[in-house]
C-alpha atoms as a PDB file:
ATOM      1  CA  MET A   1      -8.435  10.608 -18.994  1.00  0.00           C
ATOM      2  CA  ALA A   2      -8.388  12.538 -15.779  1.00  0.00           C
ATOM      3  CA  LYS A   3     -10.307   9.752 -14.001  1.00  0.00           C
ATOM      4  CA  ARG A   4      -7.373   7.127 -14.880  1.00  0.00           C
ATOM      5  CA  ARG A   5      -5.149   9.653 -13.804  1.00  0.00           C
ATOM      6  CA  SER A   6      -6.160   9.997 -10.244  1.00  0.00           C
ATOM      7  CA  LYS A   7      -5.793   6.352  -9.721  1.00  0.00           C
ATOM      8  CA  ASP A   8      -2.210   6.104 -10.734  1.00  0.00           C
ATOM      9  CA  PRO A   9      -0.974   7.455  -7.309  1.00  0.00           C
ATOM     10  CA  LEU A  10      -3.005   5.310  -5.776  1.00  0.00           C
ATOM     11  CA  ALA A  11      -1.504   2.129  -7.654  1.00  0.00           C
ATOM     12  CA  TRP A  12       2.261   3.237  -7.122  1.00  0.00           C
ATOM     13  CA  GLY A  13       1.700   4.120  -3.428  1.00  0.00           C
ATOM     14  CA  ILE A  14       0.466   0.435  -3.198  1.00  0.00           C
ATOM     15  CA  ILE A  15       3.309  -0.831  -5.146  1.00  0.00           C
ATOM     16  CA  LEU A  16       5.776   1.075  -2.883  1.00  0.00           C
ATOM     17  CA  ILE A  17       4.147  -0.056   0.649  1.00  0.00           C
ATOM     18  CA  VAL A  18       4.094  -3.707  -0.480  1.00  0.00           C
ATOM     19  CA  VAL A  19       8.176  -3.232  -2.407  1.00  0.00           C
ATOM     20  CA  GLY A  20       9.213  -1.660   1.211  1.00  0.00           C
ATOM     21  CA  ILE A  21       7.200  -4.890   3.184  1.00  0.00           C
ATOM     22  CA  ILE A  22       9.159  -7.704   1.288  1.00  0.00           C
ATOM     23  CA  LEU A  23      12.690  -5.539   1.330  1.00  0.00           C
ATOM     24  CA  LEU A  24      11.742  -5.495   5.471  1.00  0.00           C
ATOM     25  CA  LEU A  25      10.829  -8.675   5.978  1.00  0.00           C
ATOM     26  CA  VAL A  26      14.015 -10.081   3.833  1.00  0.00           C
ATOM     27  CA  ASN A  27      16.008  -7.807   6.031  1.00  0.00           C
ATOM     28  CA  ILE A  28      14.432  -9.534   9.055  1.00  0.00           C
ATOM     29  CA  ASP A  29      15.376 -13.270   7.540  1.00  0.00           C
ATOM     30  CA  VAL A  30      11.533 -13.895   6.714  1.00  0.00           C
ATOM     31  CA  ASP A  31      11.582 -16.046   3.750  1.00  0.00           C
ATOM     32  CA  VAL A  32       9.223 -13.667   1.595  1.00  0.00           C
ATOM     33  CA  TRP A  33      10.118 -15.964  -1.858  1.00  0.00           C
ATOM     34  CA  ASP A  34       9.037 -19.187  -0.436  1.00  0.00           C
ATOM     35  CA  THR A  35       5.959 -17.865   0.611  1.00  0.00           C
ATOM     36  CA  VAL A  36       5.015 -15.751  -2.745  1.00  0.00           C
ATOM     37  CA  ALA A  37       6.098 -18.663  -4.644  1.00  0.00           C
ATOM     38  CA  ARG A  38       3.276 -20.459  -2.824  1.00  0.00           C
ATOM     39  CA  LEU A  39       0.583 -17.918  -2.601  1.00  0.00           C
ATOM     40  CA  TRP A  40       1.231 -16.207  -6.154  1.00  0.00           C
ATOM     41  CA  PRO A  41      -2.196 -17.454  -7.287  1.00  0.00           C
ATOM     42  CA  LEU A  42      -3.806 -15.555  -4.503  1.00  0.00           C
ATOM     43  CA  ILE A  43      -2.172 -12.532  -5.668  1.00  0.00           C
ATOM     44  CA  LEU A  44      -3.645 -13.116  -9.021  1.00  0.00           C
ATOM     45  CA  ILE A  45      -7.080 -13.723  -7.243  1.00  0.00           C
ATOM     46  CA  VAL A  46      -6.875  -9.929  -5.587  1.00  0.00           C
ATOM     47  CA  TRP A  47      -5.659  -8.407  -8.388  1.00  0.00           C
ATOM     48  CA  GLY A  48      -8.471  -9.311 -10.725  1.00  0.00           C
ATOM     49  CA  LEU A  49     -11.038  -8.694  -7.901  1.00  0.00           C
ATOM     50  CA  TRP A  50      -9.612  -5.225  -7.636  1.00  0.00           C
ATOM     51  CA  LYS A  51      -9.482  -4.863 -11.316  1.00  0.00           C
ATOM     52  CA  LEU A  52     -13.647  -5.982 -11.457  1.00  0.00           C
ATOM     53  CA  TYR A  53     -14.455  -3.889  -8.621  1.00  0.00           C
ATOM     54  CA  PHE A  54     -12.767  -0.811 -10.281  1.00  0.00           C
ATOM     55  CA  GLY A  55     -14.462  -2.022 -13.667  1.00  0.00           C
ATOM     56  CA  ILE A  56     -17.740  -2.222 -12.160  1.00  0.00           C
ATOM     57  CA  LYS A  57     -17.675   1.104 -10.278  1.00  0.00           C
ATOM     58  CA  GLU A  58     -16.838   2.908 -13.081  1.00  0.00           C
ATOM     59  CA  LYS A  59     -19.129   1.763 -15.530  1.00  0.00           C
ATOM     60  CA  MET A  60     -21.561   2.561 -12.896  1.00  0.00           C
ATOM     61  CA  GLU A  61     -20.005   6.314 -12.653  1.00  0.00           C
ATOM     62  CA  GLU A  62     -20.683   6.413 -16.292  1.00  0.00           C
ATOM     63  CA  GLU A  63     -24.217   5.173 -16.311  1.00  0.00           C
ATOM     64  CA  THR A  64     -25.355   7.301 -13.833  1.00  0.00           C
ATOM     65  CA  PRO A  65     -26.307  10.922 -14.948  1.00  0.00           C
ATOM     66  CA  GLU A  66     -24.718  13.648 -12.213  1.00  0.00           C
ATOM     67  CA  GLN A  67     -26.856  16.053 -11.208  1.00  0.00           C
ATOM     68  CA  GLY A  68     -25.862  19.198 -10.249  1.00  0.00           C
END
């Protein structure tokens, strides 16, 4: 369970950065929502790759016996 908590600050940090970038782009009159509407499948692909990478990494760490 401790491993799961170590990822939470990273996820929240990424969420805050993305929200901040969106708000900044809205303030400088960039049409963010039109771009998001066209590229939302790319967001799903990146999210899937992210989950796949960390899932494989976690599985490899569980299978590798720790040496100490």
